[in-house]
Amino acid sequence: MSNIKYEGVRITLGQQEYIVPALTIRQMRELTSELADLKGIGAEPTSDEITSMLRIVLAAISRNYPDMTIDALEDAIDLNSLAVVMQAITGQSGLERVKPGEA
């Protein structure tokens, strides 16, 4: 973990621990439609909503783990951990309130 460039929330996906930072302003602009999709997500997200969430997670996590891929995320994340990592990202990015270091 010594190569971590950005502070963030510590998240365990599968058996691997990651430090997931906030989205940058550029990333938020590039992901405007995906972020807008978050507002309507219910208990059972659609395939398109899951894709949007994975794109957001990839953008944030790739700041510290540039080799991360959507395929790797799909294998590491289940619906429970997807909700946790999304809360961590949106909270840090100012999209919803969360205490520092807490998801």
N, C-alpha and C. Protein backbone atom coordinates (compact mmCIF):
# COMPACT_ATOMS: atom_id res chain seq x y z
N MET A 1 0.81 -1.20 0.00
CA MET A 1 0.00 0.00 0.00
C MET A 1 0.85 1.26 0.00
N SER A 2 2.14 1.11 -0.11
CA SER A 2 3.02 2.27 -0.05
C SER A 2 2.90 3.15 -1.29
N ASN A 3 2.28 2.66 -2.34
CA ASN A 3 2.12 3.44 -3.56
C ASN A 3 0.85 4.27 -3.58
N ILE A 4 0.14 4.34 -2.47
CA ILE A 4 -1.11 5.08 -2.39
C ILE A 4 -0.81 6.57 -2.52
N LYS A 5 -1.43 7.22 -3.51
CA LYS A 5 -1.20 8.65 -3.75
C LYS A 5 -2.22 9.53 -3.05
N TYR A 6 -3.45 9.02 -2.90
CA TYR A 6 -4.54 9.84 -2.40
C TYR A 6 -5.19 9.20 -1.18
N GLU A 7 -5.49 10.00 -0.18
CA GLU A 7 -6.21 9.52 0.99
C GLU A 7 -7.63 9.17 0.60
N GLY A 8 -8.23 8.31 1.37
CA GLY A 8 -9.60 7.92 1.09
C GLY A 8 -10.12 7.01 2.17
N VAL A 9 -11.20 6.32 1.85
CA VAL A 9 -11.83 5.39 2.76
C VAL A 9 -11.29 3.99 2.48
N ARG A 10 -10.97 3.29 3.54
CA ARG A 10 -10.45 1.92 3.44
C ARG A 10 -11.65 0.98 3.22
N ILE A 11 -11.61 0.25 2.10
CA ILE A 11 -12.70 -0.64 1.70
C ILE A 11 -12.10 -2.02 1.40
N THR A 12 -12.79 -3.08 1.84
CA THR A 12 -12.38 -4.43 1.50
C THR A 12 -13.32 -4.96 0.43
N LEU A 13 -12.74 -5.36 -0.69
CA LEU A 13 -13.47 -5.96 -1.80
C LEU A 13 -12.90 -7.35 -2.01
N GLY A 14 -13.74 -8.35 -1.83
CA GLY A 14 -13.22 -9.71 -1.85
C GLY A 14 -12.32 -9.88 -0.65
N GLN A 15 -11.09 -10.26 -0.88
CA GLN A 15 -10.12 -10.39 0.20
C GLN A 15 -9.04 -9.32 0.13
N GLN A 16 -9.23 -8.33 -0.72
CA GLN A 16 -8.24 -7.27 -0.91
C GLN A 16 -8.74 -5.97 -0.31
N GLU A 17 -7.85 -5.26 0.35
CA GLU A 17 -8.19 -3.96 0.91
C GLU A 17 -7.72 -2.85 -0.03
N TYR A 18 -8.56 -1.84 -0.20
CA TYR A 18 -8.27 -0.71 -1.07
C TYR A 18 -8.50 0.59 -0.32
N ILE A 19 -7.76 1.62 -0.69
CA ILE A 19 -8.01 2.97 -0.22
C ILE A 19 -8.70 3.69 -1.38
N VAL A 20 -9.97 4.01 -1.20
CA VAL A 20 -10.77 4.60 -2.27
C VAL A 20 -10.92 6.10 -2.02
N PRO A 21 -10.30 6.92 -2.87
CA PRO A 21 -10.39 8.38 -2.71
C PRO A 21 -11.67 8.94 -3.31
N ALA A 22 -11.87 10.22 -3.08
CA ALA A 22 -12.99 10.94 -3.68
C ALA A 22 -12.76 11.10 -5.18
N LEU A 23 -13.83 11.38 -5.89
CA LEU A 23 -13.72 11.72 -7.30
C LEU A 23 -13.12 13.11 -7.44
N THR A 24 -12.36 13.32 -8.49
CA THR A 24 -11.87 14.66 -8.80
C THR A 24 -13.00 15.46 -9.47
N ILE A 25 -12.83 16.75 -9.55
CA ILE A 25 -13.81 17.58 -10.25
C ILE A 25 -13.94 17.13 -11.71
N ARG A 26 -12.81 16.84 -12.35
CA ARG A 26 -12.83 16.37 -13.75
C ARG A 26 -13.65 15.08 -13.85
N GLN A 27 -13.41 14.14 -12.95
CA GLN A 27 -14.14 12.89 -12.98
C GLN A 27 -15.64 13.12 -12.77
N MET A 28 -15.98 14.02 -11.86
CA MET A 28 -17.39 14.31 -11.62
C MET A 28 -18.05 14.88 -12.88
N ARG A 29 -17.34 15.75 -13.58
CA ARG A 29 -17.88 16.31 -14.83
C ARG A 29 -18.05 15.23 -15.89
N GLU A 30 -17.06 14.34 -15.99
CA GLU A 30 -17.11 13.28 -17.00
C GLU A 30 -18.19 12.24 -16.69
N LEU A 31 -18.54 12.12 -15.42
CA LEU A 31 -19.51 11.11 -14.99
C LEU A 31 -20.86 11.71 -14.62
N THR A 32 -21.17 12.87 -15.17
CA THR A 32 -22.41 13.57 -14.83
C THR A 32 -23.64 12.67 -15.01
N SER A 33 -23.74 12.00 -16.13
CA SER A 33 -24.94 11.18 -16.37
C SER A 33 -24.98 9.97 -15.43
N GLU A 34 -23.82 9.38 -15.15
CA GLU A 34 -23.78 8.24 -14.22
C GLU A 34 -24.16 8.69 -12.81
N LEU A 35 -23.67 9.85 -12.40
CA LEU A 35 -24.00 10.37 -11.07
C LEU A 35 -25.49 10.70 -10.98
N ALA A 36 -26.06 11.20 -12.07
CA ALA A 36 -27.50 11.49 -12.09
C ALA A 36 -28.32 10.21 -11.96
N ASP A 37 -27.80 9.11 -12.51
CA ASP A 37 -28.48 7.82 -12.41
C ASP A 37 -28.62 7.35 -10.97
N LEU A 38 -27.74 7.79 -10.09
CA LEU A 38 -27.76 7.35 -8.69
C LEU A 38 -29.04 7.76 -7.97
N LYS A 39 -29.63 8.85 -8.39
CA LYS A 39 -30.81 9.38 -7.70
C LYS A 39 -32.01 8.47 -7.78
N GLY A 40 -32.11 7.68 -8.83
CA GLY A 40 -33.30 6.84 -8.99
C GLY A 40 -33.09 5.37 -8.67
N ILE A 41 -31.94 5.00 -8.15
CA ILE A 41 -31.65 3.59 -7.92
C ILE A 41 -32.42 3.07 -6.72
N GLY A 42 -33.12 1.97 -6.94
CA GLY A 42 -33.89 1.34 -5.87
C GLY A 42 -33.14 0.15 -5.28
N ALA A 43 -33.87 -0.69 -4.59
CA ALA A 43 -33.28 -1.85 -3.91
C ALA A 43 -32.72 -2.86 -4.90
N GLU A 44 -33.28 -2.90 -6.10
CA GLU A 44 -32.83 -3.84 -7.12
C GLU A 44 -32.39 -3.06 -8.36
N PRO A 45 -31.12 -2.66 -8.40
CA PRO A 45 -30.65 -1.85 -9.53
C PRO A 45 -30.70 -2.61 -10.85
N THR A 46 -30.95 -1.88 -11.91
CA THR A 46 -30.95 -2.46 -13.26
C THR A 46 -29.51 -2.67 -13.71
N SER A 47 -29.37 -3.37 -14.81
CA SER A 47 -28.04 -3.60 -15.38
C SER A 47 -27.36 -2.28 -15.73
N ASP A 48 -28.12 -1.34 -16.31
CA ASP A 48 -27.55 -0.03 -16.66
C ASP A 48 -27.12 0.73 -15.42
N GLU A 49 -27.90 0.65 -14.34
CA GLU A 49 -27.54 1.34 -13.10
C GLU A 49 -26.29 0.73 -12.48
N ILE A 50 -26.16 -0.59 -12.55
CA ILE A 50 -24.96 -1.26 -12.04
C ILE A 50 -23.75 -0.82 -12.86
N THR A 51 -23.91 -0.74 -14.17
CA THR A 51 -22.82 -0.28 -15.04
C THR A 51 -22.41 1.14 -14.66
N SER A 52 -23.38 2.02 -14.43
CA SER A 52 -23.07 3.39 -14.02
C SER A 52 -22.30 3.40 -12.71
N MET A 53 -22.74 2.62 -11.74
CA MET A 53 -22.05 2.57 -10.46
C MET A 53 -20.63 2.03 -10.61
N LEU A 54 -20.46 1.01 -11.43
CA LEU A 54 -19.11 0.45 -11.64
C LEU A 54 -18.19 1.47 -12.30
N ARG A 55 -18.71 2.25 -13.23
CA ARG A 55 -17.89 3.30 -13.87
C ARG A 55 -17.45 4.34 -12.84
N ILE A 56 -18.34 4.69 -11.91
CA ILE A 56 -18.00 5.64 -10.85
C ILE A 56 -16.95 5.04 -9.93
N VAL A 57 -17.14 3.80 -9.52
CA VAL A 57 -16.17 3.14 -8.64
C VAL A 57 -14.82 3.04 -9.34
N LEU A 58 -14.81 2.66 -10.60
CA LEU A 58 -13.55 2.55 -11.33
C LEU A 58 -12.83 3.89 -11.39
N ALA A 59 -13.57 4.96 -11.64
CA ALA A 59 -12.95 6.29 -11.71
C ALA A 59 -12.27 6.63 -10.39
N ALA A 60 -12.96 6.40 -9.28
CA ALA A 60 -12.39 6.74 -7.97
C ALA A 60 -11.23 5.83 -7.61
N ILE A 61 -11.44 4.54 -7.70
CA ILE A 61 -10.43 3.58 -7.24
C ILE A 61 -9.18 3.61 -8.11
N SER A 62 -9.34 3.95 -9.39
CA SER A 62 -8.18 3.97 -10.29
C SER A 62 -7.22 5.11 -9.99
N ARG A 63 -7.64 6.07 -9.18
CA ARG A 63 -6.71 7.12 -8.77
C ARG A 63 -5.56 6.53 -7.97
N ASN A 64 -5.83 5.51 -7.17
CA ASN A 64 -4.78 4.84 -6.40
C ASN A 64 -4.36 3.51 -7.01
N TYR A 65 -5.22 2.93 -7.83
CA TYR A 65 -4.94 1.61 -8.43
C TYR A 65 -5.19 1.72 -9.94
N PRO A 66 -4.26 2.33 -10.67
CA PRO A 66 -4.49 2.61 -12.10
C PRO A 66 -4.66 1.37 -12.97
N ASP A 67 -4.27 0.21 -12.49
CA ASP A 67 -4.43 -1.01 -13.28
C ASP A 67 -5.79 -1.69 -13.08
N MET A 68 -6.62 -1.13 -12.20
CA MET A 68 -7.93 -1.72 -11.94
C MET A 68 -8.78 -1.65 -13.21
N THR A 69 -9.60 -2.67 -13.41
CA THR A 69 -10.48 -2.74 -14.58
C THR A 69 -11.93 -2.99 -14.14
N ILE A 70 -12.85 -2.72 -15.04
CA ILE A 70 -14.26 -3.03 -14.78
C ILE A 70 -14.42 -4.53 -14.54
N ASP A 71 -13.74 -5.35 -15.33
CA ASP A 71 -13.83 -6.80 -15.17
C ASP A 71 -13.40 -7.23 -13.77
N ALA A 72 -12.31 -6.67 -13.28
CA ALA A 72 -11.83 -7.01 -11.94
C ALA A 72 -12.84 -6.56 -10.88
N LEU A 73 -13.42 -5.39 -11.07
CA LEU A 73 -14.43 -4.91 -10.12
C LEU A 73 -15.65 -5.81 -10.11
N GLU A 74 -16.08 -6.24 -11.29
CA GLU A 74 -17.26 -7.12 -11.36
C GLU A 74 -17.03 -8.42 -10.61
N ASP A 75 -15.80 -8.90 -10.59
CA ASP A 75 -15.48 -10.13 -9.87
C ASP A 75 -15.30 -9.91 -8.37
N ALA A 76 -14.93 -8.70 -7.97
CA ALA A 76 -14.63 -8.42 -6.56
C ALA A 76 -15.81 -7.86 -5.77
N ILE A 77 -16.75 -7.21 -6.46
CA ILE A 77 -17.82 -6.50 -5.77
C ILE A 77 -19.13 -7.27 -5.86
N ASP A 78 -19.80 -7.40 -4.69
CA ASP A 78 -21.17 -7.90 -4.68
C ASP A 78 -22.09 -6.71 -4.40
N LEU A 79 -23.40 -6.90 -4.38
CA LEU A 79 -24.31 -5.76 -4.21
C LEU A 79 -24.13 -5.08 -2.85
N ASN A 80 -23.81 -5.84 -1.80
CA ASN A 80 -23.58 -5.22 -0.50
C ASN A 80 -22.36 -4.32 -0.51
N SER A 81 -21.25 -4.83 -1.04
CA SER A 81 -20.03 -4.01 -1.05
C SER A 81 -20.15 -2.87 -2.06
N LEU A 82 -20.95 -3.04 -3.11
CA LEU A 82 -21.16 -1.96 -4.06
C LEU A 82 -21.83 -0.77 -3.37
N ALA A 83 -22.81 -1.06 -2.52
CA ALA A 83 -23.48 0.01 -1.78
C ALA A 83 -22.50 0.71 -0.84
N VAL A 84 -21.64 -0.05 -0.19
CA VAL A 84 -20.66 0.53 0.75
C VAL A 84 -19.66 1.42 0.02
N VAL A 85 -19.11 0.93 -1.08
CA VAL A 85 -18.11 1.70 -1.81
C VAL A 85 -18.74 2.94 -2.45
N MET A 86 -19.97 2.83 -2.93
CA MET A 86 -20.65 3.99 -3.50
C MET A 86 -20.89 5.05 -2.43
N GLN A 87 -21.28 4.63 -1.23
CA GLN A 87 -21.50 5.58 -0.14
C GLN A 87 -20.18 6.27 0.22
N ALA A 88 -19.09 5.52 0.23
CA ALA A 88 -17.78 6.10 0.53
C ALA A 88 -17.39 7.14 -0.53
N ILE A 89 -17.59 6.82 -1.79
CA ILE A 89 -17.22 7.73 -2.87
C ILE A 89 -18.08 8.98 -2.87
N THR A 90 -19.40 8.79 -2.82
CA THR A 90 -20.29 9.94 -2.87
C THR A 90 -20.12 10.82 -1.64
N GLY A 91 -19.90 10.21 -0.50
CA GLY A 91 -19.70 10.99 0.72
C GLY A 91 -18.45 11.84 0.66
N GLN A 92 -17.35 11.26 0.22
CA GLN A 92 -16.09 11.99 0.12
C GLN A 92 -16.14 13.06 -0.96
N SER A 93 -16.91 12.81 -2.00
CA SER A 93 -16.98 13.75 -3.12
C SER A 93 -17.97 14.88 -2.87
N GLY A 94 -18.58 14.89 -1.69
CA GLY A 94 -19.50 15.95 -1.34
C GLY A 94 -20.90 15.77 -1.88
N LEU A 95 -21.21 14.58 -2.38
CA LEU A 95 -22.52 14.34 -2.93
C LEU A 95 -23.51 13.93 -1.85
N GLU A 96 -23.01 13.41 -0.73
CA GLU A 96 -23.81 13.15 0.45
C GLU A 96 -22.89 13.12 1.64
N ARG A 97 -23.40 13.39 2.79
CA ARG A 97 -22.56 13.52 3.98
C ARG A 97 -22.13 12.17 4.53
N VAL A 98 -20.85 12.07 4.88
CA VAL A 98 -20.29 10.91 5.56
C VAL A 98 -19.10 11.42 6.35
N LYS A 99 -18.88 10.86 7.54
CA LYS A 99 -17.75 11.29 8.36
C LYS A 99 -16.45 10.82 7.72
N PRO A 100 -15.36 11.59 7.81
CA PRO A 100 -14.08 11.20 7.22
C PRO A 100 -13.64 9.81 7.70
N GLY A 101 -13.19 8.99 6.77
CA GLY A 101 -12.70 7.66 7.10
C GLY A 101 -13.80 6.66 7.37
N GLU A 102 -15.03 7.02 7.10
CA GLU A 102 -16.17 6.16 7.41
C GLU A 102 -17.03 6.00 6.17
N ALA A 103 -17.48 4.78 5.94
CA ALA A 103 -18.37 4.53 4.79
C ALA A 103 -19.77 4.26 5.24
